[in-house]
Amino acid sequence: MNLSFFDQFSSPSLLGIPLILVATLLPALLLPSPNKRWITGRLSVLQLWLINLITKQLMMPLDKKGHKWALILTSLMLFLLLTNLLGLLPYTFTPTTQLSMNLALAFPLWLATLLIGLRNQPSVSLGHLLPEGTPTPLIPALILIETTSLLIRPLALGVRLTANLTAGHLLIQLISTATTVLFSTMPAISFLTLIILFLLTILEVAVATIQAYVFVLLLSLYLQENI
């Protein structure tokens, strides 16, 4: 049976049940569980330190009004981070390589930030569509361009995350396939490609972390524009 390189991005199923549901819910099991004590062990200390660090980084560009979004943004950051990293394990599936899922995360949150701006400061939000000092003949064109750039933001968020993760997974699969094929004929080259594969895996871990952070950071910047 010949398998395509893109088969790794199709959602597997077991007994007719899509395993994307399991892959989506699994990161929640790694989060701290409710307990009567604040600290239950070294793992809870590490989890609380990571959550505190992420929350500080995400809240820095926001005013105090935006701190109400701390729970949503931190939860989204942890979800994306754990999902991206778990997708690097063998025989697993990465839901964030699906554009439909990324758009389902990006569009409602972007729309919420936009509606907040239109409700709280409509003149300022609409003023972003027309820079100050624009020549009169260019006003219609600039309004059209700025409106298009505003509406394309959720699409850019979803496509950026999908493209970066998909490219990394494809590159890892290509190099791992080359390593396996060359092992019997050219062991030296196979060992060299194995080293490249190891370095690429480390790079992909960094990419998975950075892309999760960039996704949530851009949402926080969109929120800052509208509060």
N, C-alpha and C. Protein backbone atom coordinates (compact mmCIF):
# COMPACT_ATOMS: atom_id res chain seq x y z
N MET A 1 0.86 -1.21 0.00
CA MET A 1 0.00 0.00 0.00
C MET A 1 0.88 1.24 0.00
N ASN A 2 0.74 2.09 -1.00
CA ASN A 2 1.53 3.30 -1.10
C ASN A 2 0.85 4.43 -0.33
N LEU A 3 1.63 5.06 0.52
CA LEU A 3 1.12 6.16 1.33
C LEU A 3 1.69 7.47 0.83
N SER A 4 0.89 8.50 0.83
CA SER A 4 1.33 9.82 0.43
C SER A 4 1.93 10.52 1.63
N PHE A 5 2.81 11.51 1.35
CA PHE A 5 3.39 12.30 2.43
C PHE A 5 2.32 13.08 3.18
N PHE A 6 1.20 13.34 2.51
CA PHE A 6 0.15 14.15 3.13
C PHE A 6 -0.84 13.31 3.93
N ASP A 7 -0.65 11.98 3.95
CA ASP A 7 -1.55 11.14 4.73
C ASP A 7 -1.42 11.39 6.23
N GLN A 8 -0.28 11.94 6.67
CA GLN A 8 -0.11 12.22 8.09
C GLN A 8 -1.00 13.36 8.57
N PHE A 9 -1.54 14.14 7.63
CA PHE A 9 -2.39 15.26 8.00
C PHE A 9 -3.88 14.91 7.96
N SER A 10 -4.21 13.67 7.59
CA SER A 10 -5.60 13.24 7.61
C SER A 10 -5.93 12.68 8.98
N SER A 11 -7.10 13.01 9.48
CA SER A 11 -7.49 12.61 10.83
C SER A 11 -7.74 11.10 10.86
N PRO A 12 -6.99 10.35 11.67
CA PRO A 12 -7.24 8.90 11.78
C PRO A 12 -8.52 8.64 12.56
N SER A 13 -9.04 7.44 12.41
CA SER A 13 -10.27 7.08 13.11
C SER A 13 -10.14 5.67 13.67
N LEU A 14 -10.84 5.42 14.75
CA LEU A 14 -10.87 4.12 15.40
C LEU A 14 -12.31 3.76 15.67
N LEU A 15 -12.77 2.65 15.06
CA LEU A 15 -14.16 2.22 15.18
C LEU A 15 -15.13 3.31 14.71
N GLY A 16 -14.70 4.04 13.67
CA GLY A 16 -15.54 5.08 13.12
C GLY A 16 -15.53 6.38 13.89
N ILE A 17 -14.74 6.46 14.99
CA ILE A 17 -14.67 7.66 15.80
C ILE A 17 -13.41 8.43 15.41
N PRO A 18 -13.52 9.68 14.94
CA PRO A 18 -12.31 10.44 14.58
C PRO A 18 -11.44 10.71 15.79
N LEU A 19 -10.15 10.38 15.68
CA LEU A 19 -9.24 10.56 16.81
C LEU A 19 -8.83 12.01 17.01
N ILE A 20 -9.28 12.91 16.13
CA ILE A 20 -8.98 14.32 16.34
C ILE A 20 -9.62 14.82 17.63
N LEU A 21 -10.73 14.20 18.04
CA LEU A 21 -11.37 14.58 19.30
C LEU A 21 -10.47 14.24 20.48
N VAL A 22 -9.84 13.06 20.42
CA VAL A 22 -8.92 12.65 21.49
C VAL A 22 -7.69 13.56 21.50
N ALA A 23 -7.17 13.86 20.30
CA ALA A 23 -5.99 14.72 20.21
C ALA A 23 -6.28 16.13 20.71
N THR A 24 -7.52 16.58 20.54
CA THR A 24 -7.88 17.93 20.98
C THR A 24 -8.06 17.99 22.49
N LEU A 25 -8.58 16.92 23.09
CA LEU A 25 -8.84 16.91 24.53
C LEU A 25 -7.62 16.51 25.35
N LEU A 26 -6.63 15.86 24.72
CA LEU A 26 -5.48 15.35 25.48
C LEU A 26 -4.69 16.45 26.18
N PRO A 27 -4.44 17.63 25.56
CA PRO A 27 -3.67 18.65 26.28
C PRO A 27 -4.30 19.09 27.60
N ALA A 28 -5.62 18.98 27.71
CA ALA A 28 -6.28 19.38 28.96
C ALA A 28 -5.87 18.47 30.12
N LEU A 29 -5.47 17.24 29.83
CA LEU A 29 -5.05 16.33 30.89
C LEU A 29 -3.72 16.73 31.50
N LEU A 30 -2.93 17.53 30.78
CA LEU A 30 -1.61 17.93 31.28
C LEU A 30 -1.67 19.21 32.12
N LEU A 31 -2.83 19.85 32.19
CA LEU A 31 -2.97 21.07 32.96
C LEU A 31 -3.18 20.74 34.44
N PRO A 32 -2.92 21.68 35.34
CA PRO A 32 -3.09 21.39 36.77
C PRO A 32 -4.53 21.04 37.10
N SER A 33 -4.70 20.03 37.92
CA SER A 33 -6.04 19.61 38.34
C SER A 33 -6.41 20.30 39.64
N PRO A 34 -7.71 20.58 39.86
CA PRO A 34 -8.12 21.26 41.09
C PRO A 34 -7.74 20.46 42.33
N ASN A 35 -7.24 21.15 43.34
CA ASN A 35 -6.83 20.50 44.58
C ASN A 35 -6.97 21.50 45.73
N LYS A 36 -7.09 21.00 46.94
CA LYS A 36 -7.24 21.87 48.09
C LYS A 36 -5.95 22.64 48.38
N ARG A 37 -4.82 22.09 47.97
CA ARG A 37 -3.53 22.75 48.18
C ARG A 37 -3.05 23.41 46.89
N TRP A 38 -2.34 24.54 47.06
CA TRP A 38 -1.82 25.24 45.89
C TRP A 38 -0.74 24.42 45.20
N ILE A 39 0.14 23.81 45.97
CA ILE A 39 1.27 23.06 45.42
C ILE A 39 1.18 21.62 45.92
N THR A 40 1.13 20.70 44.98
CA THR A 40 1.02 19.28 45.32
C THR A 40 2.29 18.49 44.99
N GLY A 41 3.26 19.12 44.34
CA GLY A 41 4.48 18.42 43.98
C GLY A 41 5.32 19.27 43.04
N ARG A 42 6.42 18.70 42.59
CA ARG A 42 7.31 19.43 41.70
C ARG A 42 6.66 19.71 40.35
N LEU A 43 5.82 18.78 39.90
CA LEU A 43 5.15 18.98 38.61
C LEU A 43 4.21 20.18 38.69
N SER A 44 3.48 20.33 39.78
CA SER A 44 2.57 21.46 39.92
C SER A 44 3.35 22.78 39.99
N VAL A 45 4.54 22.76 40.63
CA VAL A 45 5.37 23.96 40.66
C VAL A 45 5.80 24.36 39.25
N LEU A 46 6.21 23.37 38.45
CA LEU A 46 6.62 23.64 37.08
C LEU A 46 5.45 24.15 36.24
N GLN A 47 4.27 23.56 36.43
CA GLN A 47 3.10 23.99 35.68
C GLN A 47 2.70 25.42 36.04
N LEU A 48 2.69 25.74 37.33
CA LEU A 48 2.33 27.09 37.76
C LEU A 48 3.35 28.12 37.29
N TRP A 49 4.64 27.74 37.30
CA TRP A 49 5.68 28.65 36.81
C TRP A 49 5.49 28.93 35.33
N LEU A 50 5.17 27.90 34.55
CA LEU A 50 4.98 28.07 33.11
C LEU A 50 3.75 28.93 32.83
N ILE A 51 2.66 28.68 33.54
CA ILE A 51 1.44 29.46 33.34
C ILE A 51 1.67 30.92 33.72
N ASN A 52 2.39 31.15 34.82
CA ASN A 52 2.69 32.51 35.25
C ASN A 52 3.56 33.24 34.23
N LEU A 53 4.56 32.55 33.68
CA LEU A 53 5.44 33.15 32.68
C LEU A 53 4.66 33.50 31.41
N ILE A 54 3.82 32.59 30.94
CA ILE A 54 3.04 32.85 29.73
C ILE A 54 2.08 34.02 29.94
N THR A 55 1.43 34.05 31.11
CA THR A 55 0.47 35.13 31.39
C THR A 55 1.17 36.49 31.41
N LYS A 56 2.35 36.56 32.01
CA LYS A 56 3.09 37.83 32.05
C LYS A 56 3.46 38.30 30.65
N GLN A 57 3.94 37.38 29.82
CA GLN A 57 4.35 37.75 28.47
C GLN A 57 3.16 38.22 27.63
N LEU A 58 2.01 37.60 27.81
CA LEU A 58 0.84 37.96 27.00
C LEU A 58 0.18 39.25 27.48
N MET A 59 0.29 39.55 28.77
CA MET A 59 -0.37 40.72 29.31
C MET A 59 0.46 41.99 29.21
N MET A 60 1.74 41.87 28.88
CA MET A 60 2.60 43.06 28.81
C MET A 60 2.11 44.10 27.81
N PRO A 61 1.70 43.72 26.58
CA PRO A 61 1.27 44.77 25.65
C PRO A 61 -0.14 45.29 25.90
N LEU A 62 -0.84 44.77 26.90
CA LEU A 62 -2.23 45.14 27.13
C LEU A 62 -2.37 46.12 28.29
N ASP A 63 -3.38 46.98 28.18
CA ASP A 63 -3.75 47.84 29.30
C ASP A 63 -4.50 47.01 30.34
N LYS A 64 -4.84 47.68 31.46
CA LYS A 64 -5.56 46.97 32.52
C LYS A 64 -6.93 46.48 32.07
N LYS A 65 -7.54 47.21 31.12
CA LYS A 65 -8.83 46.76 30.62
C LYS A 65 -8.73 45.41 29.90
N GLY A 66 -7.59 45.17 29.28
CA GLY A 66 -7.42 43.91 28.56
C GLY A 66 -7.04 42.74 29.43
N HIS A 67 -6.75 42.99 30.70
CA HIS A 67 -6.38 41.89 31.60
C HIS A 67 -7.55 40.96 31.88
N LYS A 68 -8.76 41.40 31.54
CA LYS A 68 -9.91 40.50 31.68
C LYS A 68 -9.79 39.29 30.75
N TRP A 69 -8.99 39.44 29.70
CA TRP A 69 -8.80 38.36 28.73
C TRP A 69 -7.66 37.42 29.11
N ALA A 70 -7.09 37.58 30.29
CA ALA A 70 -5.92 36.79 30.67
C ALA A 70 -6.23 35.30 30.65
N LEU A 71 -7.37 34.91 31.19
CA LEU A 71 -7.72 33.48 31.25
C LEU A 71 -7.89 32.89 29.86
N ILE A 72 -8.57 33.64 28.97
CA ILE A 72 -8.81 33.12 27.62
C ILE A 72 -7.51 33.01 26.84
N LEU A 73 -6.69 34.06 26.88
CA LEU A 73 -5.45 34.05 26.11
C LEU A 73 -4.45 33.04 26.63
N THR A 74 -4.33 32.93 27.96
CA THR A 74 -3.40 31.94 28.54
C THR A 74 -3.86 30.52 28.24
N SER A 75 -5.16 30.26 28.35
CA SER A 75 -5.68 28.93 28.03
C SER A 75 -5.45 28.58 26.57
N LEU A 76 -5.66 29.56 25.68
CA LEU A 76 -5.43 29.32 24.25
C LEU A 76 -3.96 29.06 23.97
N MET A 77 -3.08 29.81 24.62
CA MET A 77 -1.64 29.62 24.44
C MET A 77 -1.21 28.23 24.90
N LEU A 78 -1.68 27.79 26.05
CA LEU A 78 -1.32 26.46 26.55
C LEU A 78 -1.89 25.37 25.65
N PHE A 79 -3.11 25.56 25.18
CA PHE A 79 -3.72 24.57 24.30
C PHE A 79 -2.94 24.41 23.00
N LEU A 80 -2.61 25.54 22.36
CA LEU A 80 -1.85 25.48 21.11
C LEU A 80 -0.45 24.92 21.33
N LEU A 81 0.19 25.33 22.42
CA LEU A 81 1.55 24.86 22.70
C LEU A 81 1.58 23.36 22.90
N LEU A 82 0.69 22.84 23.74
CA LEU A 82 0.68 21.40 24.02
C LEU A 82 0.25 20.60 22.79
N THR A 83 -0.70 21.12 22.03
CA THR A 83 -1.15 20.41 20.82
C THR A 83 -0.04 20.35 19.78
N ASN A 84 0.67 21.47 19.59
CA ASN A 84 1.77 21.48 18.62
C ASN A 84 2.88 20.53 19.02
N LEU A 85 3.23 20.53 20.32
CA LEU A 85 4.33 19.68 20.77
C LEU A 85 3.95 18.20 20.77
N LEU A 86 2.70 17.89 21.15
CA LEU A 86 2.28 16.50 21.13
C LEU A 86 2.23 15.95 19.71
N GLY A 87 2.02 16.82 18.73
CA GLY A 87 1.99 16.37 17.34
C GLY A 87 3.35 15.95 16.81
N LEU A 88 4.42 16.27 17.53
CA LEU A 88 5.76 15.85 17.11
C LEU A 88 6.09 14.43 17.56
N LEU A 89 5.28 13.86 18.43
CA LEU A 89 5.53 12.50 18.88
C LEU A 89 5.16 11.51 17.78
N PRO A 90 5.83 10.34 17.74
CA PRO A 90 5.51 9.35 16.70
C PRO A 90 4.09 8.81 16.85
N TYR A 91 3.49 8.49 15.72
CA TYR A 91 2.15 7.89 15.66
C TYR A 91 1.10 8.79 16.32
N THR A 92 1.24 10.07 16.17
CA THR A 92 0.26 11.01 16.70
C THR A 92 -0.28 11.88 15.57
N PHE A 93 -1.28 12.66 15.89
CA PHE A 93 -1.93 13.52 14.91
C PHE A 93 -1.94 14.94 15.45
N THR A 94 -1.64 15.91 14.58
CA THR A 94 -1.58 17.31 14.97
C THR A 94 -2.82 18.03 14.47
N PRO A 95 -3.78 18.34 15.33
CA PRO A 95 -5.00 19.03 14.87
C PRO A 95 -4.72 20.42 14.32
N THR A 96 -3.65 21.08 14.79
CA THR A 96 -3.38 22.45 14.35
C THR A 96 -2.77 22.51 12.94
N THR A 97 -2.58 21.37 12.28
CA THR A 97 -2.21 21.40 10.86
C THR A 97 -3.44 21.51 9.97
N GLN A 98 -4.63 21.51 10.58
CA GLN A 98 -5.87 21.64 9.83
C GLN A 98 -6.28 23.12 9.80
N LEU A 99 -6.41 23.66 8.61
CA LEU A 99 -6.77 25.07 8.47
C LEU A 99 -8.15 25.36 9.06
N SER A 100 -9.06 24.40 8.94
CA SER A 100 -10.41 24.61 9.46
C SER A 100 -10.41 24.82 10.96
N MET A 101 -9.57 24.07 11.67
CA MET A 101 -9.52 24.22 13.12
C MET A 101 -8.88 25.55 13.51
N ASN A 102 -7.81 25.93 12.84
CA ASN A 102 -7.14 27.19 13.16
C ASN A 102 -8.04 28.39 12.87
N LEU A 103 -8.79 28.32 11.78
CA LEU A 103 -9.73 29.40 11.50
C LEU A 103 -10.87 29.43 12.52
N ALA A 104 -11.28 28.26 13.00
CA ALA A 104 -12.32 28.21 14.02
C ALA A 104 -11.85 28.83 15.33
N LEU A 105 -10.53 28.80 15.59
CA LEU A 105 -9.99 29.46 16.77
C LEU A 105 -9.76 30.96 16.53
N ALA A 106 -9.31 31.31 15.33
CA ALA A 106 -8.92 32.70 15.06
C ALA A 106 -10.12 33.60 14.81
N PHE A 107 -11.08 33.14 14.03
CA PHE A 107 -12.16 34.04 13.61
C PHE A 107 -13.04 34.52 14.77
N PRO A 108 -13.53 33.66 15.67
CA PRO A 108 -14.38 34.18 16.76
C PRO A 108 -13.65 35.15 17.68
N LEU A 109 -12.37 34.86 17.99
CA LEU A 109 -11.63 35.75 18.89
C LEU A 109 -11.33 37.09 18.21
N TRP A 110 -10.97 37.05 16.92
CA TRP A 110 -10.75 38.31 16.20
C TRP A 110 -12.04 39.11 16.11
N LEU A 111 -13.15 38.43 15.86
CA LEU A 111 -14.44 39.12 15.77
C LEU A 111 -14.82 39.72 17.13
N ALA A 112 -14.49 39.03 18.21
CA ALA A 112 -14.79 39.56 19.55
C ALA A 112 -14.01 40.84 19.81
N THR A 113 -12.71 40.87 19.43
CA THR A 113 -11.93 42.09 19.62
C THR A 113 -12.47 43.23 18.77
N LEU A 114 -12.92 42.92 17.56
CA LEU A 114 -13.46 43.96 16.67
C LEU A 114 -14.77 44.53 17.23
N LEU A 115 -15.63 43.64 17.72
CA LEU A 115 -16.92 44.11 18.27
C LEU A 115 -16.72 44.91 19.55
N ILE A 116 -15.71 44.56 20.34
CA ILE A 116 -15.42 45.34 21.54
C ILE A 116 -15.01 46.76 21.16
N GLY A 117 -14.19 46.88 20.13
CA GLY A 117 -13.79 48.21 19.69
C GLY A 117 -14.95 49.02 19.13
N LEU A 118 -15.81 48.38 18.35
CA LEU A 118 -16.95 49.09 17.79
C LEU A 118 -17.96 49.49 18.86
N ARG A 119 -18.01 48.74 19.95
CA ARG A 119 -18.95 49.08 21.02
C ARG A 119 -18.39 50.17 21.94
N ASN A 120 -17.11 50.05 22.30
CA ASN A 120 -16.55 50.97 23.29
C ASN A 120 -16.06 52.28 22.67
N GLN A 121 -15.44 52.21 21.51
CA GLN A 121 -14.90 53.42 20.87
C GLN A 121 -15.10 53.32 19.36
N PRO A 122 -16.32 53.48 18.88
CA PRO A 122 -16.58 53.28 17.44
C PRO A 122 -15.84 54.27 16.54
N SER A 123 -15.69 55.52 16.99
CA SER A 123 -15.01 56.51 16.14
C SER A 123 -13.53 56.16 15.96
N VAL A 124 -12.89 55.72 17.05
CA VAL A 124 -11.48 55.36 16.96
C VAL A 124 -11.29 54.11 16.11
N SER A 125 -12.16 53.11 16.29
CA SER A 125 -12.04 51.87 15.52
C SER A 125 -12.24 52.11 14.03
N LEU A 126 -13.23 52.93 13.69
CA LEU A 126 -13.45 53.24 12.28
C LEU A 126 -12.39 54.18 11.74
N GLY A 127 -11.77 54.98 12.64
CA GLY A 127 -10.71 55.87 12.21
C GLY A 127 -9.47 55.14 11.74
N HIS A 128 -9.29 53.89 12.16
CA HIS A 128 -8.14 53.10 11.69
C HIS A 128 -8.22 52.81 10.20
N LEU A 129 -9.44 52.89 9.64
CA LEU A 129 -9.59 52.60 8.22
C LEU A 129 -9.12 53.75 7.33
N LEU A 130 -8.90 54.93 7.93
CA LEU A 130 -8.48 56.08 7.14
C LEU A 130 -7.40 56.85 7.90
N PRO A 131 -6.13 56.69 7.51
CA PRO A 131 -5.05 57.41 8.20
C PRO A 131 -5.24 58.92 8.09
N GLU A 132 -4.76 59.62 9.11
CA GLU A 132 -4.89 61.07 9.16
C GLU A 132 -4.01 61.72 8.09
N GLY A 133 -4.54 62.74 7.45
CA GLY A 133 -3.79 63.46 6.43
C GLY A 133 -3.82 62.83 5.07
N THR A 134 -4.74 61.90 4.83
CA THR A 134 -4.82 61.23 3.53
C THR A 134 -5.37 62.19 2.48
N PRO A 135 -4.75 62.28 1.31
CA PRO A 135 -5.30 63.13 0.23
C PRO A 135 -6.70 62.67 -0.17
N THR A 136 -7.54 63.64 -0.51
CA THR A 136 -8.95 63.34 -0.83
C THR A 136 -9.11 62.32 -1.95
N PRO A 137 -8.36 62.38 -3.05
CA PRO A 137 -8.56 61.38 -4.11
C PRO A 137 -8.23 59.95 -3.69
N LEU A 138 -7.39 59.79 -2.67
CA LEU A 138 -6.99 58.44 -2.25
C LEU A 138 -7.88 57.86 -1.17
N ILE A 139 -8.84 58.63 -0.68
CA ILE A 139 -9.66 58.15 0.43
C ILE A 139 -10.43 56.86 0.09
N PRO A 140 -11.13 56.76 -1.03
CA PRO A 140 -11.86 55.49 -1.31
C PRO A 140 -10.93 54.29 -1.41
N ALA A 141 -9.79 54.47 -2.09
CA ALA A 141 -8.87 53.35 -2.25
C ALA A 141 -8.28 52.92 -0.91
N LEU A 142 -7.90 53.88 -0.06
CA LEU A 142 -7.32 53.53 1.24
C LEU A 142 -8.33 52.86 2.15
N ILE A 143 -9.57 53.33 2.12
CA ILE A 143 -10.60 52.68 2.93
C ILE A 143 -10.80 51.23 2.49
N LEU A 144 -10.78 50.99 1.19
CA LEU A 144 -10.93 49.63 0.68
C LEU A 144 -9.75 48.76 1.08
N ILE A 145 -8.54 49.31 0.97
CA ILE A 145 -7.33 48.55 1.33
C ILE A 145 -7.30 48.23 2.82
N GLU A 146 -7.59 49.23 3.66
CA GLU A 146 -7.56 49.01 5.10
C GLU A 146 -8.66 48.05 5.54
N THR A 147 -9.82 48.12 4.90
CA THR A 147 -10.90 47.18 5.24
C THR A 147 -10.51 45.76 4.87
N THR A 148 -9.88 45.60 3.70
CA THR A 148 -9.42 44.27 3.29
C THR A 148 -8.37 43.72 4.23
N SER A 149 -7.42 44.58 4.63
CA SER A 149 -6.37 44.13 5.56
C SER A 149 -6.95 43.78 6.93
N LEU A 150 -8.03 44.47 7.32
CA LEU A 150 -8.68 44.16 8.59
C LEU A 150 -9.42 42.83 8.53
N LEU A 151 -10.13 42.59 7.43
CA LEU A 151 -10.90 41.36 7.31
C LEU A 151 -10.03 40.13 7.07
N ILE A 152 -8.82 40.35 6.58
CA ILE A 152 -7.95 39.21 6.26
C ILE A 152 -7.14 38.76 7.48
N ARG A 153 -7.25 39.46 8.59
CA ARG A 153 -6.45 39.12 9.78
C ARG A 153 -6.71 37.70 10.29
N PRO A 154 -7.96 37.27 10.47
CA PRO A 154 -8.15 35.89 10.96
C PRO A 154 -7.64 34.84 9.98
N LEU A 155 -7.78 35.12 8.68
CA LEU A 155 -7.25 34.19 7.68
C LEU A 155 -5.74 34.10 7.78
N ALA A 156 -5.09 35.25 7.99
CA ALA A 156 -3.62 35.25 8.12
C ALA A 156 -3.18 34.48 9.37
N LEU A 157 -3.92 34.63 10.46
CA LEU A 157 -3.58 33.88 11.67
C LEU A 157 -3.65 32.38 11.43
N GLY A 158 -4.74 31.93 10.82
CA GLY A 158 -4.91 30.50 10.59
C GLY A 158 -3.92 29.94 9.59
N VAL A 159 -3.70 30.67 8.49
CA VAL A 159 -2.80 30.18 7.45
C VAL A 159 -1.36 30.15 7.96
N ARG A 160 -0.95 31.16 8.74
CA ARG A 160 0.42 31.19 9.26
C ARG A 160 0.70 29.96 10.13
N LEU A 161 -0.21 29.66 11.04
CA LEU A 161 0.00 28.51 11.92
C LEU A 161 -0.03 27.20 11.14
N THR A 162 -0.97 27.07 10.22
CA THR A 162 -1.08 25.83 9.44
C THR A 162 0.14 25.63 8.55
N ALA A 163 0.57 26.68 7.85
CA ALA A 163 1.68 26.55 6.90
C ALA A 163 2.98 26.20 7.60
N ASN A 164 3.28 26.85 8.72
CA ASN A 164 4.54 26.59 9.41
C ASN A 164 4.60 25.17 9.97
N LEU A 165 3.51 24.71 10.56
CA LEU A 165 3.52 23.35 11.11
C LEU A 165 3.52 22.31 10.01
N THR A 166 2.76 22.55 8.95
CA THR A 166 2.72 21.59 7.84
C THR A 166 4.08 21.46 7.17
N ALA A 167 4.74 22.59 6.93
CA ALA A 167 6.06 22.55 6.29
C ALA A 167 7.07 21.80 7.15
N GLY A 168 7.05 22.03 8.45
CA GLY A 168 7.98 21.33 9.33
C GLY A 168 7.73 19.84 9.36
N HIS A 169 6.46 19.43 9.42
CA HIS A 169 6.15 18.00 9.45
C HIS A 169 6.55 17.32 8.13
N LEU A 170 6.30 18.00 7.02
CA LEU A 170 6.67 17.42 5.72
C LEU A 170 8.18 17.27 5.60
N LEU A 171 8.92 18.26 6.06
CA LEU A 171 10.38 18.20 5.98
C LEU A 171 10.93 17.08 6.85
N ILE A 172 10.38 16.92 8.04
CA ILE A 172 10.81 15.83 8.92
C ILE A 172 10.53 14.48 8.26
N GLN A 173 9.37 14.33 7.66
CA GLN A 173 9.04 13.05 7.02
C GLN A 173 9.93 12.77 5.81
N LEU A 174 10.25 13.81 5.03
CA LEU A 174 11.12 13.62 3.88
C LEU A 174 12.52 13.16 4.31
N ILE A 175 13.08 13.82 5.32
CA ILE A 175 14.43 13.46 5.76
C ILE A 175 14.44 12.10 6.44
N SER A 176 13.41 11.79 7.23
CA SER A 176 13.37 10.47 7.87
C SER A 176 13.22 9.36 6.83
N THR A 177 12.46 9.62 5.77
CA THR A 177 12.34 8.62 4.70
C THR A 177 13.68 8.42 4.00
N ALA A 178 14.40 9.52 3.74
CA ALA A 178 15.72 9.42 3.11
C ALA A 178 16.70 8.67 4.01
N THR A 179 16.63 8.90 5.32
CA THR A 179 17.50 8.19 6.26
C THR A 179 17.26 6.69 6.21
N THR A 180 16.00 6.30 6.17
CA THR A 180 15.67 4.87 6.13
C THR A 180 16.09 4.22 4.82
N VAL A 181 15.87 4.90 3.70
CA VAL A 181 16.19 4.33 2.39
C VAL A 181 17.70 4.20 2.19
N LEU A 182 18.47 5.19 2.66
CA LEU A 182 19.91 5.20 2.44
C LEU A 182 20.68 4.34 3.45
N PHE A 183 20.00 3.83 4.47
CA PHE A 183 20.72 3.09 5.51
C PHE A 183 21.38 1.82 4.98
N SER A 184 20.73 1.12 4.06
CA SER A 184 21.28 -0.14 3.55
C SER A 184 22.31 0.07 2.45
N THR A 185 22.22 1.16 1.71
CA THR A 185 23.13 1.38 0.58
C THR A 185 24.29 2.31 0.92
N MET A 186 24.02 3.40 1.61
CA MET A 186 25.05 4.38 1.96
C MET A 186 24.92 4.76 3.44
N PRO A 187 25.48 3.94 4.33
CA PRO A 187 25.33 4.18 5.77
C PRO A 187 25.89 5.53 6.22
N ALA A 188 27.00 5.99 5.61
CA ALA A 188 27.60 7.25 6.04
C ALA A 188 26.66 8.42 5.77
N ILE A 189 26.08 8.44 4.57
CA ILE A 189 25.15 9.51 4.24
C ILE A 189 23.88 9.39 5.09
N SER A 190 23.48 8.14 5.36
CA SER A 190 22.30 7.94 6.20
C SER A 190 22.54 8.48 7.61
N PHE A 191 23.75 8.28 8.14
CA PHE A 191 24.07 8.82 9.46
C PHE A 191 24.07 10.35 9.45
N LEU A 192 24.55 10.93 8.34
CA LEU A 192 24.54 12.39 8.23
C LEU A 192 23.12 12.95 8.19
N THR A 193 22.26 12.29 7.43
CA THR A 193 20.86 12.73 7.39
C THR A 193 20.17 12.53 8.74
N LEU A 194 20.62 11.51 9.49
CA LEU A 194 20.05 11.30 10.83
C LEU A 194 20.40 12.46 11.76
N ILE A 195 21.63 12.96 11.64
CA ILE A 195 22.02 14.13 12.45
C ILE A 195 21.19 15.36 12.05
N ILE A 196 21.01 15.52 10.73
CA ILE A 196 20.18 16.64 10.25
C ILE A 196 18.75 16.50 10.76
N LEU A 197 18.25 15.26 10.78
CA LEU A 197 16.89 15.03 11.28
C LEU A 197 16.77 15.38 12.75
N PHE A 198 17.80 15.05 13.53
CA PHE A 198 17.79 15.38 14.97
C PHE A 198 17.78 16.90 15.18
N LEU A 199 18.62 17.61 14.42
CA LEU A 199 18.66 19.07 14.52
C LEU A 199 17.35 19.69 14.05
N LEU A 200 16.77 19.12 13.00
CA LEU A 200 15.51 19.64 12.49
C LEU A 200 14.38 19.42 13.49
N THR A 201 14.42 18.32 14.21
CA THR A 201 13.40 18.06 15.23
C THR A 201 13.48 19.10 16.35
N ILE A 202 14.70 19.46 16.76
CA ILE A 202 14.87 20.51 17.77
C ILE A 202 14.33 21.83 17.24
N LEU A 203 14.62 22.12 15.96
CA LEU A 203 14.11 23.35 15.36
C LEU A 203 12.59 23.34 15.30
N GLU A 204 12.01 22.19 15.01
CA GLU A 204 10.55 22.10 14.92
C GLU A 204 9.89 22.29 16.28
N VAL A 205 10.56 21.86 17.34
CA VAL A 205 10.04 22.12 18.69
C VAL A 205 9.99 23.63 18.95
N ALA A 206 11.06 24.31 18.54
CA ALA A 206 11.09 25.78 18.69
C ALA A 206 10.01 26.43 17.83
N VAL A 207 9.81 25.95 16.61
CA VAL A 207 8.80 26.52 15.72
C VAL A 207 7.40 26.31 16.31
N ALA A 208 7.14 25.12 16.85
CA ALA A 208 5.83 24.85 17.45
C ALA A 208 5.56 25.78 18.62
N THR A 209 6.59 26.06 19.42
CA THR A 209 6.43 26.97 20.56
C THR A 209 6.23 28.40 20.09
N ILE A 210 7.06 28.84 19.15
CA ILE A 210 6.99 30.22 18.67
C ILE A 210 5.68 30.50 17.97
N GLN A 211 5.21 29.56 17.16
CA GLN A 211 3.96 29.80 16.42
C GLN A 211 2.76 29.88 17.34
N ALA A 212 2.75 29.10 18.40
CA ALA A 212 1.67 29.21 19.39
C ALA A 212 1.71 30.58 20.06
N TYR A 213 2.92 31.04 20.38
CA TYR A 213 3.06 32.35 21.03
C TYR A 213 2.67 33.48 20.08
N VAL A 214 3.09 33.40 18.82
CA VAL A 214 2.79 34.45 17.84
C VAL A 214 1.28 34.53 17.60
N PHE A 215 0.62 33.38 17.52
CA PHE A 215 -0.83 33.35 17.30
C PHE A 215 -1.56 34.13 18.39
N VAL A 216 -1.22 33.84 19.64
CA VAL A 216 -1.92 34.49 20.76
C VAL A 216 -1.45 35.94 20.92
N LEU A 217 -0.16 36.21 20.66
CA LEU A 217 0.34 37.57 20.78
C LEU A 217 -0.35 38.51 19.79
N LEU A 218 -0.55 38.06 18.56
CA LEU A 218 -1.23 38.90 17.57
C LEU A 218 -2.68 39.16 17.98
N LEU A 219 -3.32 38.15 18.57
CA LEU A 219 -4.68 38.38 19.07
C LEU A 219 -4.69 39.42 20.18
N SER A 220 -3.68 39.38 21.06
CA SER A 220 -3.61 40.37 22.13
C SER A 220 -3.34 41.77 21.57
N LEU A 221 -2.56 41.86 20.50
CA LEU A 221 -2.32 43.17 19.87
C LEU A 221 -3.59 43.70 19.20
N TYR A 222 -4.35 42.80 18.57
CA TYR A 222 -5.64 43.22 17.99
C TYR A 222 -6.58 43.70 19.09
N LEU A 223 -6.53 43.04 20.25
CA LEU A 223 -7.36 43.46 21.37
C LEU A 223 -6.94 44.83 21.88
N GLN A 224 -5.62 45.08 21.94
CA GLN A 224 -5.12 46.35 22.43
C GLN A 224 -5.56 47.52 21.54
N GLU A 225 -5.70 47.26 20.25
CA GLU A 225 -6.15 48.31 19.33
C GLU A 225 -7.59 48.74 19.60
N ASN A 226 -8.36 47.85 20.24
CA ASN A 226 -9.79 48.10 20.36
C ASN A 226 -10.26 48.34 21.79
N ILE A 227 -9.33 48.56 22.71
CA ILE A 227 -9.74 48.83 24.09
C ILE A 227 -9.19 50.19 24.53
